């Protein structure tokens, strides 16, 4: 199963994609938020078609305690809208520490300053999607 992973931010949306076997997630692109959520969702739907994705995994920004705060509620609401626009199922997945993990990996890879800021969102999306893929493969119900 090919899946698209999303790290929804207020300014940017990080996008990752899995390989066709559903084993490995790779960073794909960053979508700069426009003034229209509909336009942003249409762009995601276009990527679903281009990448032949069968599912979207949206990062759920839970608090450290695991509770849903305002950001998580917003992500759930946006995931619901995306499901109607993209034409494929949309699932949410805990994204705690995904950006920290992405930042650390980029720093260790020698990516600095402005270059890191340009890619961190799509790398965070890959971290989220890889976590979902790993749980799915391990038999945990994502």
C-alpha atoms as a PDB file:
ATOM      1  CA  UNK A   1       0.000   0.000   0.000  1.00  0.00           C
ATOM      2  CA  UNK A   2       1.377   3.396  -0.970  1.00  0.00           C
ATOM      3  CA  UNK A   3       0.659   6.108   1.589  1.00  0.00           C
ATOM      4  CA  UNK A   4       1.170   9.846   1.787  1.00  0.00           C
ATOM      5  CA  UNK A   5       2.266  11.284   5.139  1.00  0.00           C
ATOM      6  CA  UNK A   6       1.485  14.862   6.156  1.00  0.00           C
ATOM      7  CA  UNK A   7       2.929  17.130   8.813  1.00  0.00           C
ATOM      8  CA  UNK A   8       0.328  19.911   8.956  1.00  0.00           C
ATOM      9  CA  UNK A   9       1.754  23.236  10.033  1.00  0.00           C
ATOM     10  CA  UNK A  10       0.311  26.703  10.083  1.00  0.00           C
ATOM     11  CA  UNK A  11       2.790  27.958   7.445  1.00  0.00           C
ATOM     12  CA  UNK A  12       3.878  24.785   5.667  1.00  0.00           C
ATOM     13  CA  UNK A  13       2.726  21.214   5.078  1.00  0.00           C
ATOM     14  CA  UNK A  14       5.454  18.604   4.989  1.00  0.00           C
ATOM     15  CA  UNK A  15       4.704  15.710   2.650  1.00  0.00           C
ATOM     16  CA  UNK A  16       6.273  12.251   2.548  1.00  0.00           C
ATOM     17  CA  UNK A  17       5.445   9.147   0.526  1.00  0.00           C
ATOM     18  CA  UNK A  18       5.973   5.452   1.096  1.00  0.00           C
ATOM     19  CA  UNK A  19       7.328   3.004  -1.411  1.00  0.00           C
ATOM     20  CA  UNK A  20       4.787   0.723  -3.066  1.00  0.00           C
ATOM     21  CA  UNK A  21       5.434  -2.075  -0.574  1.00  0.00           C
ATOM     22  CA  UNK A  22       4.607   0.194   2.368  1.00  0.00           C
ATOM     23  CA  UNK A  23       8.025  -0.342   3.932  1.00  0.00           C
ATOM     24  CA  UNK A  24       9.996   2.892   3.621  1.00  0.00           C
ATOM     25  CA  UNK A  25       8.881   6.519   3.910  1.00  0.00           C
ATOM     26  CA  UNK A  26      10.744   9.228   2.023  1.00  0.00           C
ATOM     27  CA  UNK A  27      10.424  13.014   2.186  1.00  0.00           C
ATOM     28  CA  UNK A  28       8.585  14.289  -0.894  1.00  0.00           C
ATOM     29  CA  UNK A  29       7.883  18.021  -0.790  1.00  0.00           C
ATOM     30  CA  UNK A  30       6.810  21.008   1.256  1.00  0.00           C
ATOM     31  CA  UNK A  31       3.611  22.853   0.442  1.00  0.00           C
ATOM     32  CA  UNK A  32       3.601  26.490   1.478  1.00  0.00           C
ATOM     33  CA  UNK A  33       0.228  27.270   3.032  1.00  0.00           C
ATOM     34  CA  UNK A  34      -1.864  29.574   0.881  1.00  0.00           C
ATOM     35  CA  UNK A  35      -4.650  31.862   2.024  1.00  0.00           C
ATOM     36  CA  UNK A  36      -7.109  29.090   1.095  1.00  0.00           C
ATOM     37  CA  UNK A  37      -7.298  25.748   2.901  1.00  0.00           C
ATOM     38  CA  UNK A  38      -9.291  24.452  -0.068  1.00  0.00           C
ATOM     39  CA  UNK A  39      -6.390  25.263  -2.402  1.00  0.00           C
ATOM     40  CA  UNK A  40      -3.985  23.517  -0.006  1.00  0.00           C
ATOM     41  CA  UNK A  41      -6.237  20.455   0.112  1.00  0.00           C
ATOM     42  CA  UNK A  42      -6.579  20.428  -3.674  1.00  0.00           C
ATOM     43  CA  UNK A  43      -2.769  20.391  -3.926  1.00  0.00           C
ATOM     44  CA  UNK A  44      -2.642  17.419  -1.544  1.00  0.00           C
ATOM     45  CA  UNK A  45      -5.342  15.639  -3.582  1.00  0.00           C
ATOM     46  CA  UNK A  46      -3.232  16.255  -6.685  1.00  0.00           C
ATOM     47  CA  UNK A  47      -0.229  14.647  -4.965  1.00  0.00           C
ATOM     48  CA  UNK A  48      -2.400  11.663  -3.979  1.00  0.00           C
ATOM     49  CA  UNK A  49      -3.142  11.140  -7.674  1.00  0.00           C
ATOM     50  CA  UNK A  50       0.408  11.806  -8.857  1.00  0.00           C
ATOM     51  CA  UNK A  51       1.889   9.391  -6.315  1.00  0.00           C
ATOM     52  CA  UNK A  52      -0.958   6.861  -6.657  1.00  0.00           C
ATOM     53  CA  UNK A  53      -1.425   6.927  -2.884  1.00  0.00           C
ATOM     54  CA  UNK A  54      -4.168   4.790  -1.379  1.00  0.00           C
ATOM     55  CA  UNK A  55      -4.171   6.444   2.044  1.00  0.00           C
ATOM     56  CA  UNK A  56      -3.128   9.639   3.806  1.00  0.00           C
ATOM     57  CA  UNK A  57      -1.557   9.624   7.268  1.00  0.00           C
ATOM     58  CA  UNK A  58      -1.880  12.980   9.049  1.00  0.00           C
ATOM     59  CA  UNK A  59       0.368  13.745  11.997  1.00  0.00           C
ATOM     60  CA  UNK A  60      -1.599  14.342  15.190  1.00  0.00           C
ATOM     61  CA  UNK A  61       0.155  16.888  17.450  1.00  0.00           C
ATOM     62  CA  UNK A  62      -0.792  15.519  20.860  1.00  0.00           C
ATOM     63  CA  UNK A  63       0.497  16.971  24.099  1.00  0.00           C
ATOM     64  CA  UNK A  64       3.258  15.166  25.975  1.00  0.00           C
ATOM     65  CA  UNK A  65       0.598  13.606  28.211  1.00  0.00           C
ATOM     66  CA  UNK A  66      -1.106  12.144  25.136  1.00  0.00           C
ATOM     67  CA  UNK A  67      -4.131  14.410  25.387  1.00  0.00           C
ATOM     68  CA  UNK A  68      -5.636  16.211  22.426  1.00  0.00           C
ATOM     69  CA  UNK A  69      -5.111  19.943  22.723  1.00  0.00           C
ATOM     70  CA  UNK A  70      -6.268  22.655  20.313  1.00  0.00           C
ATOM     71  CA  UNK A  71      -3.630  21.740  17.699  1.00  0.00           C
ATOM     72  CA  UNK A  72      -4.680  18.067  17.695  1.00  0.00           C
ATOM     73  CA  UNK A  73      -8.338  19.003  17.419  1.00  0.00           C
ATOM     74  CA  UNK A  74      -7.491  21.248  14.472  1.00  0.00           C
ATOM     75  CA  UNK A  75      -5.504  18.451  12.796  1.00  0.00           C
ATOM     76  CA  UNK A  76      -8.414  16.023  13.251  1.00  0.00           C
ATOM     77  CA  UNK A  77     -10.824  18.539  11.725  1.00  0.00           C
ATOM     78  CA  UNK A  78      -8.500  19.155   8.785  1.00  0.00           C
ATOM     79  CA  UNK A  79      -8.037  15.391   8.299  1.00  0.00           C
ATOM     80  CA  UNK A  80     -11.817  14.997   8.090  1.00  0.00           C
ATOM     81  CA  UNK A  81     -12.046  17.660   5.387  1.00  0.00           C
ATOM     82  CA  UNK A  82      -9.083  16.145   3.529  1.00  0.00           C
ATOM     83  CA  UNK A  83     -10.827  12.770   3.402  1.00  0.00           C
ATOM     84  CA  UNK A  84     -13.688  14.276   1.428  1.00  0.00           C
ATOM     85  CA  UNK A  85     -11.388  16.184  -0.941  1.00  0.00           C
ATOM     86  CA  UNK A  86      -8.658  13.598  -1.559  1.00  0.00           C
ATOM     87  CA  UNK A  87     -10.921  10.609  -2.228  1.00  0.00           C
ATOM     88  CA  UNK A  88      -8.821   8.206  -0.137  1.00  0.00           C
ATOM     89  CA  UNK A  89      -9.017   7.215   3.522  1.00  0.00           C
ATOM     90  CA  UNK A  90      -7.275   9.537   5.977  1.00  0.00           C
ATOM     91  CA  UNK A  91      -5.873   8.355   9.294  1.00  0.00           C
ATOM     92  CA  UNK A  92      -4.213  10.319  12.071  1.00  0.00           C
ATOM     93  CA  UNK A  93      -1.027   9.226  13.817  1.00  0.00           C
ATOM     94  CA  UNK A  94       0.727  10.560  16.903  1.00  0.00           C
ATOM     95  CA  UNK A  95       3.469  12.925  15.795  1.00  0.00           C
ATOM     96  CA  UNK A  96       5.065  13.743  19.147  1.00  0.00           C
ATOM     97  CA  UNK A  97       8.788  14.447  18.694  1.00  0.00           C
ATOM     98  CA  UNK A  98       8.667  14.107  14.892  1.00  0.00           C
ATOM     99  CA  UNK A  99      10.089  17.582  14.281  1.00  0.00           C
ATOM    100  CA  UNK A 100      12.732  17.101  16.994  1.00  0.00           C
ATOM    101  CA  UNK A 101      13.718  13.785  15.397  1.00  0.00           C
ATOM    102  CA  UNK A 102      13.838  15.395  11.944  1.00  0.00           C
ATOM    103  CA  UNK A 103      15.914  18.345  13.208  1.00  0.00           C
ATOM    104  CA  UNK A 104      18.374  15.988  14.911  1.00  0.00           C
ATOM    105  CA  UNK A 105      18.755  13.823  11.798  1.00  0.00           C
ATOM    106  CA  UNK A 106      19.348  16.860   9.608  1.00  0.00           C
ATOM    107  CA  UNK A 107      21.893  18.316  12.043  1.00  0.00           C
ATOM    108  CA  UNK A 108      23.740  14.989  12.177  1.00  0.00           C
ATOM    109  CA  UNK A 109      23.668  14.960   8.373  1.00  0.00           C
ATOM    110  CA  UNK A 110      25.379  18.342   8.306  1.00  0.00           C
ATOM    111  CA  UNK A 111      22.372  20.305   7.047  1.00  0.00           C
ATOM    112  CA  UNK A 112      22.590  23.790   8.526  1.00  0.00           C
ATOM    113  CA  UNK A 113      20.453  26.910   9.051  1.00  0.00           C
ATOM    114  CA  UNK A 114      18.254  28.017   6.155  1.00  0.00           C
ATOM    115  CA  UNK A 115      18.746  24.764   4.238  1.00  0.00           C
ATOM    116  CA  UNK A 116      17.471  22.800   7.244  1.00  0.00           C
ATOM    117  CA  UNK A 117      14.404  25.032   7.612  1.00  0.00           C
ATOM    118  CA  UNK A 118      13.502  24.364   3.970  1.00  0.00           C
ATOM    119  CA  UNK A 119      13.371  20.582   4.413  1.00  0.00           C
ATOM    120  CA  UNK A 120      12.537  19.904   8.072  1.00  0.00           C
ATOM    121  CA  UNK A 121       8.780  19.728   7.431  1.00  0.00           C
ATOM    122  CA  UNK A 122       9.022  17.027   4.778  1.00  0.00           C
ATOM    123  CA  UNK A 123      11.528  15.091   6.875  1.00  0.00           C
ATOM    124  CA  UNK A 124       9.137  15.325   9.853  1.00  0.00           C
ATOM    125  CA  UNK A 125       6.363  13.997   7.579  1.00  0.00           C
ATOM    126  CA  UNK A 126       8.630  11.063   6.698  1.00  0.00           C
ATOM    127  CA  UNK A 127       9.254  10.401  10.414  1.00  0.00           C
ATOM    128  CA  UNK A 128       5.488  10.348  11.050  1.00  0.00           C
ATOM    129  CA  UNK A 129       4.777   8.104   8.076  1.00  0.00           C
ATOM    130  CA  UNK A 130       7.646   5.728   8.913  1.00  0.00           C
ATOM    131  CA  UNK A 131       6.333   5.348  12.464  1.00  0.00           C
ATOM    132  CA  UNK A 132       2.878   4.506  11.087  1.00  0.00           C
ATOM    133  CA  UNK A 133       4.340   2.026   8.571  1.00  0.00           C
ATOM    134  CA  UNK A 134       6.446   0.334  11.263  1.00  0.00           C
ATOM    135  CA  UNK A 135       3.440  -0.033  13.586  1.00  0.00           C
ATOM    136  CA  UNK A 136       1.348  -1.421  10.748  1.00  0.00           C
ATOM    137  CA  UNK A 137       4.023  -3.951   9.838  1.00  0.00           C
ATOM    138  CA  UNK A 138       4.456  -4.975  13.498  1.00  0.00           C
ATOM    139  CA  UNK A 139       0.771  -5.801  13.667  1.00  0.00           C
ATOM    140  CA  UNK A 140      -0.175  -2.828  15.821  1.00  0.00           C
ATOM    141  CA  UNK A 141      -3.340  -1.236  14.542  1.00  0.00           C
ATOM    142  CA  UNK A 142      -2.297   2.268  13.440  1.00  0.00           C
END
